[in-house]
Protein backbone atom coordinates (compact mmCIF):
# COMPACT_ATOMS: atom_id res chain seq x y z
CA MET A 1 -4.65 -24.18 20.70
CA ALA A 2 -2.76 -24.16 17.39
CA ASN A 3 -4.38 -20.92 16.36
CA ASP A 4 -4.42 -19.06 19.73
CA VAL A 5 -2.10 -16.07 20.20
CA LEU A 6 -1.84 -13.78 23.25
CA ILE A 7 -0.42 -10.25 22.92
CA VAL A 8 0.72 -8.59 26.16
CA SER A 9 1.34 -4.84 25.95
CA PRO A 10 0.34 -1.77 28.00
CA ASP A 11 0.26 0.29 24.79
CA PRO A 12 -3.17 0.16 23.02
CA ALA A 13 -1.70 1.53 19.79
CA GLU A 14 0.91 -1.23 19.67
CA ILE A 15 -1.75 -3.87 20.34
CA LYS A 16 -3.68 -2.51 17.35
CA ILE A 17 -0.60 -2.78 15.15
CA LEU A 18 0.22 -6.34 16.19
CA LYS A 19 -3.38 -7.52 15.93
CA SER A 20 -3.74 -5.95 12.50
CA LEU A 21 -0.52 -7.59 11.29
CA PHE A 22 -2.03 -10.97 12.15
CA SER A 23 -5.53 -10.11 10.93
CA THR A 24 -5.16 -11.95 7.62
CA ARG A 25 -4.06 -15.17 9.36
CA ASP A 26 -6.35 -17.92 10.60
CA LEU A 27 -5.68 -17.04 14.23
CA LYS A 28 -7.60 -16.27 17.39
CA ILE A 29 -5.98 -13.18 18.95
CA THR A 30 -6.36 -12.22 22.63
CA ASP A 31 -4.75 -9.20 24.26
CA CYS A 32 -4.12 -7.86 27.75
CA SER A 33 -2.21 -4.97 29.30
CA ASN A 34 -0.27 -6.36 32.30
CA ASP A 35 1.41 -9.38 33.91
CA GLN A 36 -1.48 -10.21 36.21
CA GLU A 37 -4.04 -10.41 33.38
CA ALA A 38 -1.61 -12.38 31.24
CA LEU A 39 -0.94 -15.05 33.86
CA LYS A 40 -4.66 -15.47 34.56
CA LEU A 41 -5.33 -15.94 30.84
CA ILE A 42 -2.40 -18.39 30.54
CA LYS A 43 -3.77 -20.53 33.42
CA ASP A 44 -7.17 -20.76 31.74
CA ASN A 45 -6.12 -21.01 28.09
CA PRO A 46 -3.43 -23.10 26.33
CA PHE A 47 -2.07 -20.43 23.94
CA SER A 48 0.34 -21.61 21.25
CA LEU A 49 2.17 -18.25 21.10
CA VAL A 50 2.56 -15.32 23.51
CA MET A 51 4.10 -12.02 22.37
CA ILE A 52 5.22 -9.71 25.20
CA SER A 53 6.01 -6.04 24.65
CA PRO A 54 7.14 -4.38 27.93
CA LEU A 55 6.78 -0.72 26.93
CA GLY A 56 5.35 0.62 30.18
CA GLU A 57 4.26 -0.10 33.71
CA GLY A 58 2.66 -3.42 34.59
CA VAL A 59 4.62 -5.62 32.17
CA HIS A 60 7.96 -7.14 33.17
CA GLY A 61 9.07 -9.04 30.12
CA LEU A 62 11.71 -11.49 31.30
CA SER A 63 10.00 -12.43 34.57
CA LEU A 64 6.63 -12.82 32.82
CA LYS A 65 8.24 -15.00 30.19
CA LYS A 66 9.74 -17.29 32.85
CA ASN A 67 6.40 -17.56 34.66
CA ILE A 68 4.59 -18.45 31.45
CA GLN A 69 7.17 -21.08 30.54
CA HIS A 70 6.80 -22.56 34.04
CA LEU A 71 3.00 -22.73 33.70
CA ARG A 72 2.89 -23.74 30.04
CA PRO A 73 6.20 -25.28 28.87
CA GLU A 74 4.66 -26.08 25.47
CA THR A 75 3.80 -22.42 24.75
CA GLU A 76 6.14 -20.36 22.59
CA VAL A 77 6.94 -16.99 24.23
CA ILE A 78 8.34 -14.14 22.13
CA LEU A 79 9.76 -11.08 23.87
CA LEU A 80 9.55 -7.74 22.06
CA THR A 81 11.42 -4.73 23.38
CA ASN A 82 11.29 -1.01 22.59
CA PHE A 83 14.26 -0.26 20.35
CA LYS A 84 15.00 3.01 22.12
CA THR A 85 16.25 1.08 25.15
CA ILE A 86 18.87 -0.97 23.26
CA ARG A 87 20.78 0.12 20.19
CA THR A 88 22.94 -2.95 19.43
CA SER A 89 23.76 -6.11 21.35
CA ASP A 90 25.24 -9.53 20.71
CA ASP A 91 22.14 -11.03 22.36
CA VAL A 92 19.47 -9.64 20.08
CA LEU A 93 18.41 -9.34 16.49
CA HIS A 94 16.80 -5.95 16.04
CA TYR A 95 13.95 -5.63 13.60
CA GLY A 96 12.75 -2.07 14.04
CA ALA A 97 14.68 1.15 13.54
CA SER A 98 12.54 2.63 16.30
CA ASP A 99 10.08 -0.12 17.07
CA TYR A 100 10.94 -3.70 17.95
CA ILE A 101 13.67 -6.13 18.92
CA LEU A 102 13.22 -9.91 18.66
CA HIS A 103 15.49 -11.83 21.04
CA LEU A 104 17.85 -14.25 19.33
CA GLU A 105 16.89 -17.32 21.36
CA ASP A 106 13.23 -16.59 20.78
CA LEU A 107 13.76 -16.43 17.04
CA ARG A 108 15.58 -19.74 17.12
CA ARG A 109 12.74 -21.41 19.01
CA LEU A 110 10.20 -19.71 16.79
CA LEU A 111 11.75 -21.01 13.58
CA ILE A 112 12.55 -24.46 14.94
CA HIS A 113 8.93 -24.69 16.11
CA SER A 114 7.71 -23.94 12.59
CA THR A 115 9.33 -27.02 11.06
CA MET A 116 10.54 -29.40 13.77
CA LYS A 117 7.95 -29.38 16.55
CA LYS A 118 5.51 -32.29 16.63
CA GLY A 119 7.41 -34.05 13.87
CA LEU A 120 7.17 -31.32 11.27
CA GLU A 121 9.83 -32.94 9.10
CA THR A 122 7.35 -33.32 6.25
CA PRO A 123 6.48 -29.81 5.02
CA GLU A 124 4.09 -31.20 2.39
CA ASP A 125 1.47 -31.60 5.12
CA PRO A 126 -1.00 -28.66 4.83
CA GLU A 127 -1.08 -27.92 8.57
CA GLU A 128 2.71 -28.02 8.84
CA MET A 129 3.02 -25.75 5.81
CA ARG A 130 0.52 -23.34 7.32
CA ILE A 131 2.52 -23.09 10.55
CA LYS A 132 5.81 -22.66 8.71
CA ASP A 133 4.37 -20.04 6.37
CA PHE A 134 3.03 -18.15 9.36
CA PHE A 135 6.50 -17.83 10.89
CA PHE A 136 8.08 -16.95 7.55
CA ASN A 137 5.47 -14.22 7.18
CA LEU A 138 6.15 -13.06 10.73
CA THR A 139 9.85 -12.72 9.92
CA ASP A 140 8.95 -10.80 6.77
CA LEU A 141 6.75 -8.42 8.79
CA LEU A 142 9.38 -7.81 11.45
CA VAL A 143 12.07 -7.09 8.87
CA GLY A 144 9.58 -4.80 7.16
CA ILE A 145 9.26 -2.86 10.40
CA LEU A 146 13.05 -2.50 10.47
CA GLU A 147 12.98 -0.88 7.03
CA ILE A 148 9.72 1.04 7.34
CA ASP A 149 11.23 4.50 7.91
CA ASP A 150 14.29 4.06 5.69
CA LYS A 151 13.77 6.02 2.49
CA TYR A 152 16.41 3.97 0.66
CA PHE A 153 15.69 0.42 1.83
CA SER A 154 11.97 0.40 2.68
CA GLY A 155 10.40 -2.69 1.12
CA ASN A 156 13.66 -3.92 -0.42
CA THR A 157 13.92 -7.12 1.59
CA HIS A 158 10.39 -8.23 0.73
CA THR A 159 11.07 -7.64 -2.98
CA VAL A 160 14.37 -9.57 -2.81
CA MET A 161 12.66 -12.44 -0.99
CA LYS A 162 9.77 -12.59 -3.47
CA LEU A 163 11.98 -12.61 -6.60
CA SER A 164 14.51 -15.05 -5.11
CA ARG A 165 11.78 -17.50 -4.20
CA GLN A 166 10.23 -17.23 -7.68
CA ILE A 167 13.60 -18.01 -9.31
CA ALA A 168 14.19 -20.97 -6.98
CA GLU A 169 10.73 -22.34 -7.77
CA ARG A 170 11.23 -21.78 -11.51
CA MET A 171 14.48 -23.78 -11.31
CA GLY A 172 12.58 -26.71 -9.78
CA LEU A 173 14.56 -26.79 -6.53
CA ASN A 174 13.34 -28.92 -3.66
CA ARG A 175 11.20 -27.39 -0.94
CA LYS A 176 13.94 -27.31 1.70
CA MET A 177 16.30 -25.42 -0.59
CA ILE A 178 13.54 -22.98 -1.56
CA ASP A 179 12.89 -22.38 2.15
CA SER A 180 16.61 -21.82 2.77
CA ILE A 181 16.78 -19.23 -0.01
CA THR A 182 13.56 -17.55 1.16
CA LEU A 183 14.67 -17.21 4.78
CA GLY A 184 18.25 -16.36 3.79
CA SER A 185 17.02 -13.48 1.65
CA LEU A 186 15.03 -12.14 4.61
CA LEU A 187 17.94 -12.36 7.07
CA ARG A 188 20.83 -11.58 4.70
CA ASP A 189 21.49 -8.04 5.93
CA LEU A 190 21.02 -8.40 9.70
CA GLY A 191 24.74 -7.76 10.08
CA LYS A 192 24.26 -4.16 8.98
CA ILE A 193 23.25 -3.36 12.56
CA GLY A 194 27.01 -3.30 13.15
CA VAL A 195 27.55 -0.62 10.50
CA LYS A 196 27.17 3.01 11.50
CA GLN A 197 24.11 4.61 9.93
CA GLN A 198 26.28 7.57 8.93
CA ILE A 199 28.36 5.26 6.71
CA LEU A 200 25.29 3.68 5.10
CA ASN A 201 23.91 7.15 4.29
CA GLU A 202 27.22 8.67 3.16
CA THR A 203 27.23 10.44 -0.22
CA ARG A 204 31.02 10.80 -0.60
CA GLU A 205 33.43 8.04 -1.62
CA LEU A 206 33.99 5.72 1.34
CA THR A 207 37.39 5.07 2.87
CA GLU A 208 38.89 1.59 2.80
CA ASP A 209 38.02 1.04 6.48
CA GLU A 210 34.43 2.15 5.90
CA LEU A 211 34.09 -0.20 2.92
CA MET A 212 35.48 -3.03 5.02
CA SER A 213 32.92 -2.39 7.76
CA ILE A 214 30.15 -2.75 5.18
CA LYS A 215 31.68 -5.90 3.68
CA ASP A 216 31.87 -7.41 7.16
CA HIS A 217 28.08 -7.39 7.46
CA CYS A 218 27.88 -10.94 6.05
CA GLN A 219 30.10 -12.28 8.82
CA THR A 220 28.24 -10.23 11.44
CA SER A 221 24.98 -11.78 10.24
CA LEU A 222 26.45 -15.24 10.69
CA LYS A 223 27.60 -14.41 14.22
CA LEU A 224 24.11 -13.25 15.11
CA LEU A 225 22.57 -16.40 13.64
CA LYS A 226 25.21 -18.85 14.89
CA ARG A 227 23.30 -19.88 18.02
CA LEU A 228 20.02 -20.46 16.19
CA ASN A 229 20.86 -23.90 14.78
CA LEU A 230 18.29 -23.28 12.04
CA PRO A 231 16.77 -26.26 10.19
CA TRP A 232 17.78 -24.66 6.86
CA ARG A 233 21.23 -23.91 5.45
CA VAL A 234 20.72 -20.16 5.41
CA ASP A 235 24.31 -19.58 6.58
CA GLN A 236 25.70 -20.51 3.15
CA VAL A 237 23.20 -18.28 1.36
CA ILE A 238 23.95 -15.29 3.60
CA GLN A 239 27.73 -15.71 3.79
CA HIS A 240 28.36 -15.93 0.05
CA HIS A 241 25.70 -13.73 -1.60
CA HIS A 242 28.39 -11.14 -2.46
CA GLU A 243 30.67 -13.65 -4.21
CA SER A 244 31.26 -13.19 -7.96
CA TYR A 245 31.09 -15.94 -10.56
CA ASP A 246 34.67 -15.18 -11.69
CA GLY A 247 36.06 -15.32 -8.14
CA SER A 248 36.45 -11.55 -7.65
CA GLY A 249 33.79 -11.22 -4.92
CA TYR A 250 33.89 -11.47 -1.14
CA PRO A 251 34.33 -12.78 1.52
CA SER A 252 35.95 -16.02 0.27
CA GLY A 253 36.69 -15.39 -3.42
CA LEU A 254 34.71 -18.45 -4.48
CA LYS A 255 34.05 -18.92 -8.19
CA GLY A 256 31.56 -20.71 -10.42
CA ARG A 257 29.77 -23.61 -8.82
CA GLU A 258 31.89 -23.31 -5.69
CA ILE A 259 29.39 -20.59 -4.76
CA PRO A 260 26.24 -22.15 -3.23
CA LEU A 261 23.30 -21.98 -5.63
CA GLY A 262 21.15 -20.02 -3.18
CA ALA A 263 23.88 -17.38 -2.90
CA ARG A 264 24.15 -17.18 -6.71
CA ILE A 265 20.42 -16.55 -6.95
CA LEU A 266 20.47 -13.95 -4.17
CA SER A 267 23.46 -12.19 -5.78
CA VAL A 268 21.50 -11.49 -8.97
CA VAL A 269 18.28 -10.42 -7.25
CA ASP A 270 20.00 -8.32 -4.57
CA SER A 271 21.96 -6.47 -7.27
CA TYR A 272 18.86 -5.81 -9.37
CA VAL A 273 16.87 -4.42 -6.43
CA ALA A 274 19.82 -2.27 -5.36
CA MET A 275 20.24 -0.90 -8.90
CA THR A 276 16.56 0.01 -9.24
CA THR A 277 16.22 1.87 -5.93
CA ASP A 278 17.70 5.19 -4.86
CA ARG A 279 20.87 5.28 -2.78
CA PRO A 280 22.38 8.27 -0.95
CA TYR A 281 25.11 8.53 -3.57
CA ARG A 282 23.07 7.94 -6.76
CA LYS A 283 19.61 7.81 -8.30
CA ALA A 284 17.90 4.55 -9.19
CA MET A 285 18.33 2.97 -12.63
CA ASN A 286 15.27 2.05 -14.63
CA GLY A 287 14.48 -1.63 -14.94
CA ASP A 288 15.73 -1.98 -18.52
CA SER A 289 19.14 -0.48 -17.69
CA ALA A 290 19.53 -2.70 -14.64
CA VAL A 291 18.68 -5.83 -16.64
CA GLU A 292 21.10 -4.80 -19.39
CA GLU A 293 23.91 -4.42 -16.84
CA ILE A 294 23.15 -7.80 -15.28
CA GLN A 295 23.16 -9.43 -18.73
CA GLN A 296 26.52 -7.82 -19.54
CA LYS A 297 28.01 -9.23 -16.35
CA ALA A 298 26.62 -12.75 -16.75
CA GLY A 299 29.58 -15.11 -16.61
CA THR A 300 31.79 -12.64 -14.72
CA ILE A 301 29.78 -11.42 -11.72
CA TYR A 302 26.64 -13.55 -12.09
CA ASP A 303 25.84 -17.18 -12.89
CA PRO A 304 24.58 -17.18 -16.54
CA GLU A 305 21.99 -19.90 -15.82
CA VAL A 306 20.55 -17.93 -12.90
CA VAL A 307 20.52 -14.76 -15.03
CA GLU A 308 18.52 -16.57 -17.71
CA ILE A 309 15.88 -17.66 -15.18
CA PHE A 310 15.91 -14.21 -13.58
CA LEU A 311 15.15 -12.58 -16.94
CA SER A 312 12.03 -14.71 -17.43
CA VAL A 313 10.85 -13.99 -13.88
CA ILE A 314 11.44 -10.25 -14.06
CA GLN A 315 9.72 -9.96 -17.47
CA GLU A 316 6.61 -11.57 -15.98
CA ASP A 317 6.87 -9.23 -12.99
CA TRP A 318 6.98 -6.25 -15.35
CA LYS A 319 3.88 -7.48 -17.17
CA ARG A 320 2.00 -7.71 -13.89
CA ASN A 321 3.17 -4.20 -12.98
CA ALA A 322 3.23 -2.61 -16.41
CA ASP A 323 3.46 0.99 -15.20
CA SER A 324 6.06 2.71 -13.08
CA LYS A 325 6.04 2.37 -9.31
CA GLU A 326 3.01 4.08 -7.83
CA ARG A 327 3.43 6.61 -5.02
CA LEU A 328 0.88 6.61 -2.21
CA LEU A 329 0.45 9.39 0.36
CA VAL A 330 -1.09 8.41 3.71
CA VAL A 331 -2.26 11.37 5.81
CA ASP A 332 -3.22 10.45 9.39
CA ASP A 333 -2.20 11.75 12.81
CA GLU A 334 -2.27 8.21 14.24
CA LYS A 335 1.15 6.66 13.75
CA TYR A 336 -0.07 3.08 13.89
CA ILE A 337 -2.47 3.71 10.97
CA GLN A 338 0.41 5.10 8.92
CA THR A 339 2.56 2.08 9.82
CA LEU A 340 -0.10 -0.51 9.00
CA ILE A 341 -0.89 0.92 5.57
CA LYS A 342 2.76 1.54 4.74
CA LEU A 343 3.85 -1.99 5.65
CA HIS A 344 1.08 -3.51 3.56
CA MET A 345 1.39 -1.26 0.50
CA VAL A 346 5.21 -1.27 0.40
CA ASN A 347 5.02 -5.06 0.13
CA GLU A 348 2.69 -4.59 -2.83
CA GLY A 349 5.33 -2.53 -4.61
CA PHE A 350 4.20 0.99 -3.71
CA GLU A 351 6.35 3.89 -2.64
CA VAL A 352 4.59 5.22 0.46
CA MET A 353 4.89 8.73 1.93
CA THR A 354 3.28 9.69 5.25
CA ALA A 355 2.08 12.96 6.80
CA GLU A 356 0.40 13.76 10.12
CA ASN A 357 -1.87 16.57 8.87
CA GLY A 358 -3.07 18.38 5.77
CA ALA A 359 -0.46 21.14 5.95
CA GLU A 360 2.39 18.62 6.02
CA ALA A 361 0.72 16.69 3.22
CA ILE A 362 0.60 19.72 0.91
CA MET A 363 4.33 20.28 1.43
CA LEU A 364 5.05 16.66 0.48
CA ILE A 365 2.71 16.79 -2.54
CA LYS A 366 4.57 19.81 -3.92
CA GLN A 367 7.87 17.94 -3.57
CA LYS A 368 6.70 14.55 -4.88
CA ARG A 369 3.36 14.22 -6.59
CA PRO A 370 1.53 11.10 -5.31
CA SER A 371 -0.50 8.77 -7.50
CA LEU A 372 -3.23 8.59 -4.84
CA ILE A 373 -3.98 10.06 -1.40
CA VAL A 374 -5.53 8.28 1.59
CA SER A 375 -6.46 10.78 4.29
CA ASP A 376 -8.08 10.90 7.72
CA VAL A 377 -10.68 13.63 8.37
CA GLU A 378 -9.90 14.92 11.87
CA MET A 379 -6.28 16.09 12.13
CA PRO A 380 -4.47 19.04 13.75
CA LEU A 381 -3.48 22.18 11.79
CA MET A 382 -5.41 21.17 8.66
CA ASP A 383 -8.15 18.54 8.50
CA GLY A 384 -8.86 16.15 5.64
CA TYR A 385 -11.82 18.09 4.25
CA THR A 386 -9.72 21.25 3.99
CA LEU A 387 -6.90 19.30 2.35
CA CYS A 388 -9.24 17.75 -0.23
CA ARG A 389 -10.86 21.13 -0.97
CA ALA A 390 -7.46 22.83 -1.38
CA LEU A 391 -6.24 20.17 -3.81
CA SER A 392 -9.47 20.20 -5.83
CA GLN A 393 -9.07 23.95 -6.37
CA ASP A 394 -5.46 23.64 -7.53
CA PRO A 395 -5.25 22.68 -11.26
CA ALA A 396 -1.85 21.07 -10.69
CA PHE A 397 -3.23 18.54 -8.19
CA SER A 398 -7.00 18.43 -8.73
CA ASP A 399 -6.81 15.14 -10.65
CA ILE A 400 -5.08 13.15 -7.88
CA PRO A 401 -7.47 10.39 -6.68
CA PHE A 402 -8.46 10.91 -3.04
CA ILE A 403 -9.83 8.42 -0.49
CA PHE A 404 -11.10 9.42 2.95
CA LEU A 405 -10.33 7.05 5.83
CA SER A 406 -12.33 8.25 8.82
CA SER A 407 -13.88 7.23 12.13
CA HIS A 408 -16.88 9.45 11.25
CA LYS A 409 -19.71 7.11 10.26
CA ASP A 410 -22.52 9.64 9.86
CA PRO A 411 -23.93 9.59 6.28
CA ASP A 412 -23.67 13.39 6.14
CA ASP A 413 -19.91 13.15 6.70
CA ARG A 414 -19.64 10.62 3.89
CA ILE A 415 -21.69 12.81 1.54
CA GLN A 416 -19.55 15.83 2.41
CA GLY A 417 -16.38 13.92 1.59
CA LEU A 418 -17.72 12.65 -1.72
CA ARG A 419 -19.05 16.11 -2.66
CA LEU A 420 -15.56 17.48 -2.15
CA GLY A 421 -14.40 15.11 -4.88
CA ALA A 422 -13.15 12.06 -2.97
CA MET A 423 -13.33 8.80 -4.90
CA ASP A 424 -14.31 6.84 -1.80
CA TYR A 425 -15.04 7.23 1.91
CA ILE A 426 -13.96 4.31 4.12
CA THR A 427 -14.83 4.17 7.81
CA LYS A 428 -12.55 2.91 10.59
CA PRO A 429 -11.92 0.23 11.65
CA PHE A 430 -11.03 -0.85 8.13
CA ASP A 431 -9.78 -3.98 6.41
CA LEU A 432 -6.30 -3.65 4.89
CA GLU A 433 -7.08 -6.04 2.05
CA GLU A 434 -10.22 -4.06 1.13
CA LEU A 435 -8.33 -0.75 1.22
CA SER A 436 -5.57 -2.22 -0.93
CA LEU A 437 -8.10 -3.54 -3.44
CA LYS A 438 -9.80 -0.14 -3.71
CA ILE A 439 -6.48 1.66 -4.14
CA ASN A 440 -5.36 -0.70 -6.91
CA THR A 441 -8.74 -0.59 -8.65
CA LEU A 442 -8.82 3.22 -8.66
CA LEU A 443 -5.27 3.47 -9.99
CA LYS A 444 -5.92 0.94 -12.75
CA ARG A 445 -8.95 2.95 -13.83
CA GLU A 446 -6.98 6.21 -13.78
CA LYS A 447 -4.17 4.65 -15.84
CA LYS A 448 -6.63 3.37 -18.41
CA ILE A 449 -8.21 6.80 -18.78
CA ARG A 450 -4.83 8.54 -19.03
CA ARG A 451 -3.52 6.09 -21.63
CA ASP A 452 -6.34 6.55 -24.12
CA PRO A 453 -9.19 8.76 -22.95
CA ASP A 454 -10.76 8.89 -26.43
CA LYS A 455 -11.14 5.12 -26.53
CA GLU A 456 -12.39 4.83 -22.97
CA SER A 457 -15.52 2.71 -22.94
CA GLY A 458 -18.85 4.21 -21.99
CA ILE A 459 -22.59 3.91 -22.51
CA LYS A 460 -23.58 5.79 -25.68
CA GLY A 461 -26.97 6.93 -26.88
CA ARG A 462 -29.16 9.65 -28.36
CA LEU A 463 -30.86 12.43 -26.39
CA GLU A 464 -34.06 11.79 -28.37
CA ASP A 465 -34.25 8.39 -26.65
CA MET A 466 -32.91 9.44 -23.25
CA PRO A 467 -32.74 13.18 -22.45
CA LEU A 468 -30.59 14.55 -19.62
CA GLN A 469 -33.57 14.54 -17.20
CA ASP A 470 -33.88 10.75 -17.57
CA ILE A 471 -30.12 10.18 -17.40
CA ALA A 472 -29.90 12.19 -14.18
CA GLN A 473 -32.76 10.30 -12.55
CA ILE A 474 -31.29 6.90 -13.48
CA LEU A 475 -27.84 7.79 -12.12
CA ASN A 476 -29.41 9.26 -8.98
CA LEU A 477 -31.50 6.15 -8.38
CA GLY A 478 -28.45 3.90 -8.72
CA LEU A 479 -26.18 6.16 -6.62
CA LYS A 480 -23.74 6.18 -9.54
CA THR A 481 -20.50 8.08 -9.90
CA ALA A 482 -20.08 9.07 -13.54
CA LYS A 483 -19.33 11.70 -16.14
CA VAL A 484 -21.96 12.43 -18.81
CA GLU A 485 -20.73 13.98 -22.08
CA ILE A 486 -23.32 15.62 -24.33
CA HIS A 487 -22.92 16.81 -27.93
CA PRO A 488 -26.15 18.45 -29.20
CA ASP A 489 -27.08 18.49 -32.88
CA THR A 490 -28.47 22.03 -32.77
CA GLU A 491 -25.39 23.85 -31.46
CA GLU A 492 -21.65 23.85 -32.03
CA ASN A 493 -21.27 23.24 -28.36
CA HIS A 494 -20.78 20.40 -25.90
CA GLY A 495 -21.38 19.84 -22.23
CA GLU A 496 -20.27 17.71 -19.28
CA VAL A 497 -22.18 16.75 -16.13
CA PHE A 498 -20.44 15.01 -13.21
CA PHE A 499 -22.17 12.77 -10.67
CA SER A 500 -20.88 11.43 -7.33
CA ARG A 501 -22.98 8.67 -5.81
CA GLY A 502 -26.02 9.86 -7.69
CA GLU A 503 -25.70 13.57 -6.91
CA VAL A 504 -24.78 16.17 -9.54
CA THR A 505 -21.57 17.85 -8.38
CA ALA A 506 -20.50 19.90 -11.41
CA ALA A 507 -21.63 20.93 -14.89
CA TYR A 508 -19.89 22.71 -17.77
CA THR A 509 -20.74 23.94 -21.25
CA ASP A 510 -18.81 26.30 -23.48
CA GLY A 511 -18.94 29.58 -21.58
CA LEU A 512 -21.14 28.39 -18.69
CA ASP A 513 -20.71 26.33 -15.53
CA GLY A 514 -22.71 25.18 -12.51
CA GLU A 515 -26.52 25.38 -12.53
CA LYS A 516 -26.60 27.63 -15.61
CA ALA A 517 -24.68 25.04 -17.59
CA PHE A 518 -26.92 22.22 -16.34
CA ASN A 519 -30.08 24.15 -17.18
CA ARG A 520 -28.69 24.93 -20.61
CA MET A 521 -28.17 21.20 -21.28
CA LEU A 522 -31.73 20.41 -20.18
CA HIS A 523 -32.83 22.26 -23.32
CA TRP A 524 -30.89 19.92 -25.61
CA ASN A 525 -33.35 17.38 -26.99
CA ALA A 526 -31.33 16.03 -29.90
CA GLY A 527 -27.72 14.88 -29.99
CA ASN A 528 -25.31 12.25 -28.71
CA PHE A 529 -24.43 11.40 -25.12
CA LYS A 530 -21.88 9.12 -23.45
CA ILE A 531 -21.87 7.98 -19.81
CA ARG A 532 -18.46 7.08 -18.32
CA HIS A 533 -18.79 5.47 -14.95
CA GLY A 534 -16.29 5.99 -12.17
CA ILE A 535 -15.20 9.48 -13.25
CA GLN A 536 -15.95 12.54 -11.16
CA SER A 537 -15.01 16.19 -11.08
CA LYS A 538 -12.41 17.41 -8.64
CA VAL A 539 -14.20 20.76 -8.46
CA MET A 540 -17.76 21.10 -7.15
CA ASN A 541 -19.85 23.95 -8.60
CA ILE A 542 -23.38 22.67 -7.84
CA ALA A 543 -24.72 22.46 -4.29
CA LYS A 544 -28.33 21.40 -4.91
CA THR A 545 -29.48 17.80 -4.81
CA THR A 546 -30.06 16.10 -8.14
CA MET A 547 -33.83 16.02 -7.68
CA GLY A 548 -33.90 19.65 -6.54
CA LEU A 549 -31.81 20.62 -9.54
CA LEU A 550 -34.13 18.78 -11.93
CA MET A 551 -37.28 20.27 -10.38
CA ASP A 552 -35.88 23.80 -10.64
CA GLY A 553 -34.65 23.16 -14.19
CA VAL A 554 -37.96 21.74 -15.39
CA LYS A 555 -39.80 24.61 -13.69
CA LEU A 556 -37.56 27.08 -15.48
CA ILE A 557 -38.22 25.38 -18.84
CA ASP A 558 -41.99 25.43 -18.18
CA GLU A 559 -41.84 29.15 -17.40
CA GLU A 560 -39.84 29.81 -20.56
CA ASN A 561 -42.32 27.77 -22.61
CA ARG A 562 -45.25 29.63 -21.02
CA ASP A 563 -43.68 33.01 -21.76
CA ARG A 564 -42.96 31.93 -25.31
CA ASP A 565 -46.52 30.71 -25.80
CA MET A 566 -47.90 34.00 -24.46
CA GLN A 567 -45.63 35.96 -26.72
CA THR A 568 -46.71 33.88 -29.72
CA THR A 569 -50.38 34.39 -28.85
CA GLU A 570 -49.94 38.14 -28.53
CA GLU A 571 -48.16 38.30 -31.86
CA ARG A 572 -51.08 36.54 -33.53
CA LEU A 573 -53.74 38.86 -32.03
CA PRO A 574 -54.86 41.92 -34.08
CA SER A 575 -53.54 45.26 -32.93
CA GLY A 576 -55.56 46.44 -29.98
CA GLY A 577 -56.48 42.84 -29.16
CA SER A 578 -54.40 43.01 -26.12
CA SER A 579 -56.37 45.95 -24.65
CA ALA A 580 -59.65 44.24 -25.55
CA ARG A 581 -58.77 41.44 -23.16
């Protein structure tokens, strides 16, 4: 029972989203579309958690919840509601700007369950920790949904939570305090639901009343959380995270160690994340400038001890993410696919843009160049193949790594995508962790090549030992993606041949390209070569298969050799010898 979850929703797309969000957990997920199915399943199965999303006919959230609680009092029931039906209310905590609302009482029971139920007062126990971590992760996901479409705050809460927890752990705080800081960082800004979006997005200087409405968000958060009776002291963390070390902050003007330690930690991290992300009224600082400002204000705004620990944590974070924030473009006409990938990759530190078709994607690419593109194949207005082809033919964007994410599983579709220059072709349904790993691997490889292409490792050799014919056959047999560089001894020339999964896609020499260039290089029998795996051309100028290309090339060389031999023979014959034959 501990790992059984039931999702009740008439919307198949929403079921996919919720199931995918839980896919990395050790859980057994069941779903159904209406009250009748849900109650039958509840009678036959002791689920530990039921999530109800009444977005259409056949699901009546409150009545279904009461029936489930009557049948299975021990089962936790979480009610999700479409955000379009309720904008703000004293009875709910909203977690999705257009998606979900989690009822306040449900959240209380959910969190209490994670630490108090069945004697979970000892979080060191692995099973108890697993349950608690699950609900912390659930809160993180729901807050992520709240921020998902906000271009200024998307992913901020997860980053604040991660850094705050790392500082708390580095300071050697006890587990309960670390949990309080972790949850407090996730729930710190719930009170902003009481602030008009127009004020939050305002570019002009705010009036005194507008500033006060923003400052009141700490108290609004506490009002929303008051009834929860949480097992952690998150109220102190949330209420005082805008206090200043010298007493000049708000809401209480506390100073020094009067400010709870969790709030002092959150103050530093929240400020850093705010400084390094865009706001409507200013551009983001770079990390160095933000750290310098925090150091300058240590002892006045920030606790010097916390700043010192923060500096060590953020330096390590920079080492792990040595380059600037990567920008990912997800192109898919299915909203839930966009949402899934965006939620996951934002939490990994990516900036994520989304488009519903190729035409919209090209407009975004021209405004903000992405580091990598993940695209569906079938889409309205412009499909993925057309998008990939258009980018490969544009010198400004031809080097952007491209991954196809498609429901087409036919090998011919995969080959077509790879021939167009895509780095990979992933079929749906897909695993988020696998997609994330491939994205990160491709970007690391691209960074390495960009940093020092001349020192990029590769297999080196001599054409006398391994001519192009042999190289091509080996790469074809192994279905390798690679770039072969050739520098012949006999000419002041060089050539490049590109392979994608074993097939030659492009060839270039000085003054020639395509098959003519490839055939020219087949003549080079002496010189140096280097094979660089994982590199492919964004432009395709050869359509033949590798084996077909080699057969035609060898045939051409044989014909040239035959003609040359005949010419040599004729030159050696005495005059008139030709007619004598």
